[in-house]
N, C-alpha and C. Protein backbone atom coordinates (compact mmCIF):
# COMPACT_ATOMS: atom_id res chain seq x y z
N UNK A 1 0.86 -1.18 0.00
CA UNK A 1 0.00 0.00 0.00
C UNK A 1 0.90 1.23 0.00
N UNK A 2 0.43 2.29 -0.62
CA UNK A 2 1.19 3.53 -0.70
C UNK A 2 0.35 4.67 -0.16
N UNK A 3 0.98 5.85 -0.06
CA UNK A 3 0.23 7.03 0.39
C UNK A 3 -0.92 7.32 -0.57
N UNK A 4 -0.69 7.09 -1.87
CA UNK A 4 -1.76 7.34 -2.85
C UNK A 4 -2.94 6.41 -2.64
N UNK A 5 -2.66 5.15 -2.33
CA UNK A 5 -3.77 4.22 -2.10
C UNK A 5 -4.48 4.53 -0.79
N UNK A 6 -3.74 5.07 0.19
CA UNK A 6 -4.37 5.49 1.44
C UNK A 6 -5.32 6.65 1.18
N UNK A 7 -4.89 7.62 0.38
CA UNK A 7 -5.76 8.75 0.01
C UNK A 7 -7.00 8.23 -0.73
N UNK A 8 -6.79 7.31 -1.67
CA UNK A 8 -7.92 6.76 -2.43
C UNK A 8 -8.92 6.09 -1.51
N UNK A 9 -8.42 5.29 -0.55
CA UNK A 9 -9.32 4.62 0.39
C UNK A 9 -10.09 5.64 1.23
N UNK A 10 -9.39 6.67 1.73
CA UNK A 10 -10.05 7.70 2.53
C UNK A 10 -11.14 8.40 1.74
N UNK A 11 -10.84 8.74 0.49
CA UNK A 11 -11.85 9.41 -0.35
C UNK A 11 -13.04 8.52 -0.63
N UNK A 12 -12.76 7.22 -0.88
CA UNK A 12 -13.86 6.27 -1.09
C UNK A 12 -14.71 6.14 0.17
N UNK A 13 -14.10 6.35 1.32
CA UNK A 13 -14.80 6.28 2.61
C UNK A 13 -15.54 7.57 2.93
N UNK A 14 -15.41 8.57 2.07
CA UNK A 14 -16.11 9.83 2.27
C UNK A 14 -15.30 10.90 2.96
N UNK A 15 -13.98 10.70 3.06
CA UNK A 15 -13.11 11.68 3.70
C UNK A 15 -12.23 12.31 2.62
N UNK A 16 -12.58 13.52 2.22
CA UNK A 16 -11.79 14.23 1.20
C UNK A 16 -10.54 14.77 1.87
N UNK A 17 -9.38 14.38 1.35
CA UNK A 17 -8.15 14.74 2.05
C UNK A 17 -6.95 14.75 1.12
N UNK A 18 -5.83 15.13 1.70
CA UNK A 18 -4.52 15.04 1.07
C UNK A 18 -3.57 14.51 2.12
N UNK A 19 -2.48 13.86 1.68
CA UNK A 19 -1.51 13.33 2.62
C UNK A 19 -0.14 13.91 2.31
N UNK A 20 0.51 14.39 3.36
CA UNK A 20 1.90 14.83 3.26
C UNK A 20 2.72 13.82 4.05
N UNK A 21 3.72 13.24 3.40
CA UNK A 21 4.58 12.27 4.07
C UNK A 21 5.84 12.97 4.54
N UNK A 22 6.13 12.84 5.80
CA UNK A 22 7.38 13.34 6.38
C UNK A 22 8.07 12.16 7.03
N UNK A 23 9.00 11.59 6.27
CA UNK A 23 9.68 10.36 6.68
C UNK A 23 8.60 9.31 6.90
N UNK A 24 8.40 8.84 8.11
CA UNK A 24 7.40 7.79 8.36
C UNK A 24 6.15 8.34 9.04
N UNK A 25 5.98 9.66 8.97
CA UNK A 25 4.79 10.33 9.51
C UNK A 25 3.86 10.69 8.36
N UNK A 26 2.60 10.30 8.47
CA UNK A 26 1.58 10.67 7.50
C UNK A 26 0.76 11.80 8.09
N UNK A 27 0.79 12.97 7.44
CA UNK A 27 -0.05 14.09 7.87
C UNK A 27 -1.24 14.13 6.92
N UNK A 28 -2.39 13.81 7.44
CA UNK A 28 -3.61 13.76 6.65
C UNK A 28 -4.35 15.06 6.87
N UNK A 29 -4.52 15.84 5.80
CA UNK A 29 -5.22 17.12 5.90
C UNK A 29 -6.60 16.96 5.26
N UNK A 30 -7.63 17.21 6.06
CA UNK A 30 -9.00 17.16 5.56
C UNK A 30 -9.53 18.58 5.46
N UNK A 31 -10.39 18.80 4.46
CA UNK A 31 -10.87 20.15 4.19
C UNK A 31 -11.76 20.69 5.31
N UNK A 32 -12.59 19.85 5.86
CA UNK A 32 -13.51 20.28 6.91
C UNK A 32 -13.66 19.16 7.93
N UNK A 33 -14.17 19.50 9.09
CA UNK A 33 -14.44 18.48 10.10
C UNK A 33 -15.50 17.55 9.54
N UNK A 34 -15.25 16.27 9.60
CA UNK A 34 -16.20 15.30 9.10
C UNK A 34 -16.62 14.38 10.25
N UNK A 35 -17.90 14.07 10.34
CA UNK A 35 -18.36 13.19 11.42
C UNK A 35 -17.66 11.83 11.41
N UNK A 36 -17.21 11.36 10.24
CA UNK A 36 -16.53 10.07 10.17
C UNK A 36 -15.29 10.03 11.06
N UNK A 37 -14.59 11.16 11.18
CA UNK A 37 -13.38 11.20 11.98
C UNK A 37 -13.65 11.10 13.47
N UNK A 38 -14.91 11.26 13.86
CA UNK A 38 -15.28 11.13 15.28
C UNK A 38 -15.52 9.68 15.67
N UNK A 39 -15.57 8.80 14.67
CA UNK A 39 -15.83 7.39 14.92
C UNK A 39 -14.52 6.67 15.25
N UNK A 40 -14.48 6.03 16.44
CA UNK A 40 -13.26 5.33 16.87
C UNK A 40 -12.84 4.26 15.87
N UNK A 41 -13.79 3.53 15.32
CA UNK A 41 -13.47 2.47 14.37
C UNK A 41 -12.84 3.01 13.10
N UNK A 42 -13.33 4.14 12.62
CA UNK A 42 -12.76 4.76 11.42
C UNK A 42 -11.34 5.22 11.70
N UNK A 43 -11.12 5.84 12.86
CA UNK A 43 -9.77 6.30 13.20
C UNK A 43 -8.80 5.13 13.34
N UNK A 44 -9.26 4.03 13.93
CA UNK A 44 -8.40 2.84 14.03
C UNK A 44 -8.07 2.29 12.65
N UNK A 45 -9.04 2.29 11.76
CA UNK A 45 -8.81 1.78 10.40
C UNK A 45 -7.83 2.69 9.64
N UNK A 46 -7.90 3.99 9.87
CA UNK A 46 -6.95 4.92 9.24
C UNK A 46 -5.53 4.58 9.70
N UNK A 47 -5.35 4.36 11.00
CA UNK A 47 -4.03 4.02 11.53
C UNK A 47 -3.55 2.68 10.96
N UNK A 48 -4.45 1.69 10.92
CA UNK A 48 -4.09 0.37 10.38
C UNK A 48 -3.64 0.48 8.93
N UNK A 49 -4.38 1.22 8.12
CA UNK A 49 -4.03 1.37 6.71
C UNK A 49 -2.77 2.20 6.52
N UNK A 50 -2.58 3.19 7.37
CA UNK A 50 -1.36 4.00 7.29
C UNK A 50 -0.14 3.14 7.63
N UNK A 51 -0.27 2.28 8.62
CA UNK A 51 0.84 1.37 8.96
C UNK A 51 1.13 0.41 7.82
N UNK A 52 0.08 -0.07 7.16
CA UNK A 52 0.26 -0.96 6.02
C UNK A 52 0.97 -0.24 4.87
N UNK A 53 0.83 1.08 4.83
CA UNK A 53 1.49 1.89 3.80
C UNK A 53 2.92 2.23 4.19
N UNK A 54 3.35 1.81 5.38
CA UNK A 54 4.72 2.04 5.81
C UNK A 54 4.92 3.19 6.78
N UNK A 55 3.82 3.82 7.20
CA UNK A 55 3.93 4.92 8.16
C UNK A 55 3.89 4.37 9.58
N UNK A 56 4.58 5.04 10.50
CA UNK A 56 4.55 4.63 11.90
C UNK A 56 3.67 5.56 12.73
N UNK A 57 3.43 6.77 12.23
CA UNK A 57 2.63 7.76 12.95
C UNK A 57 1.69 8.45 11.97
N UNK A 58 0.54 8.86 12.52
CA UNK A 58 -0.47 9.54 11.71
C UNK A 58 -0.94 10.78 12.47
N UNK A 59 -1.04 11.89 11.76
CA UNK A 59 -1.62 13.11 12.31
C UNK A 59 -2.74 13.56 11.37
N UNK A 60 -3.84 14.00 11.94
CA UNK A 60 -4.95 14.50 11.13
C UNK A 60 -5.08 15.98 11.41
N UNK A 61 -5.02 16.76 10.34
CA UNK A 61 -5.14 18.21 10.43
C UNK A 61 -6.42 18.62 9.72
N UNK A 62 -7.25 19.38 10.41
CA UNK A 62 -8.48 19.87 9.81
C UNK A 62 -8.23 21.28 9.31
N UNK A 63 -8.31 21.44 8.00
CA UNK A 63 -7.99 22.71 7.36
C UNK A 63 -9.23 23.59 7.31
N UNK A 64 -9.48 24.33 8.38
CA UNK A 64 -10.66 25.20 8.44
C UNK A 64 -10.41 26.55 7.78
N UNK A 65 -9.16 26.79 7.37
CA UNK A 65 -8.82 28.09 6.77
C UNK A 65 -8.75 28.02 5.25
N UNK A 66 -9.14 26.89 4.67
CA UNK A 66 -9.15 26.79 3.23
C UNK A 66 -7.77 26.81 2.59
N UNK A 67 -6.82 26.17 3.23
CA UNK A 67 -5.49 26.09 2.66
C UNK A 67 -4.54 27.18 3.08
N UNK A 68 -5.01 28.12 3.85
CA UNK A 68 -4.13 29.21 4.32
C UNK A 68 -3.18 28.69 5.38
N UNK A 69 -1.98 29.14 5.33
CA UNK A 69 -0.99 28.73 6.31
C UNK A 69 -1.33 29.34 7.67
N UNK A 70 -1.06 28.59 8.71
CA UNK A 70 -1.28 29.11 10.05
C UNK A 70 -0.17 30.07 10.40
N UNK A 71 -0.51 31.17 11.03
CA UNK A 71 0.53 32.10 11.47
C UNK A 71 1.17 31.55 12.73
N UNK A 72 2.49 31.58 12.75
CA UNK A 72 3.20 31.06 13.90
C UNK A 72 4.22 32.09 14.36
N UNK A 73 4.43 32.13 15.68
CA UNK A 73 5.41 33.04 16.25
C UNK A 73 6.77 32.41 16.27
């Protein structure tokens, strides 16, 4: 499994997203808060599939700013 197939599975599951890979960290950015992400089973399946794709850690970022970068100090 690859990051692309992980994105495809998430989209088929109703989660519109993009994945940024940083070494073995998968950063999954979703456009809006989705009720699916509140389901424990769905979150476990995301981690399982990410591990199958070779990632050891997963972070989910909800992009409420429409792609705008967050200001940081």
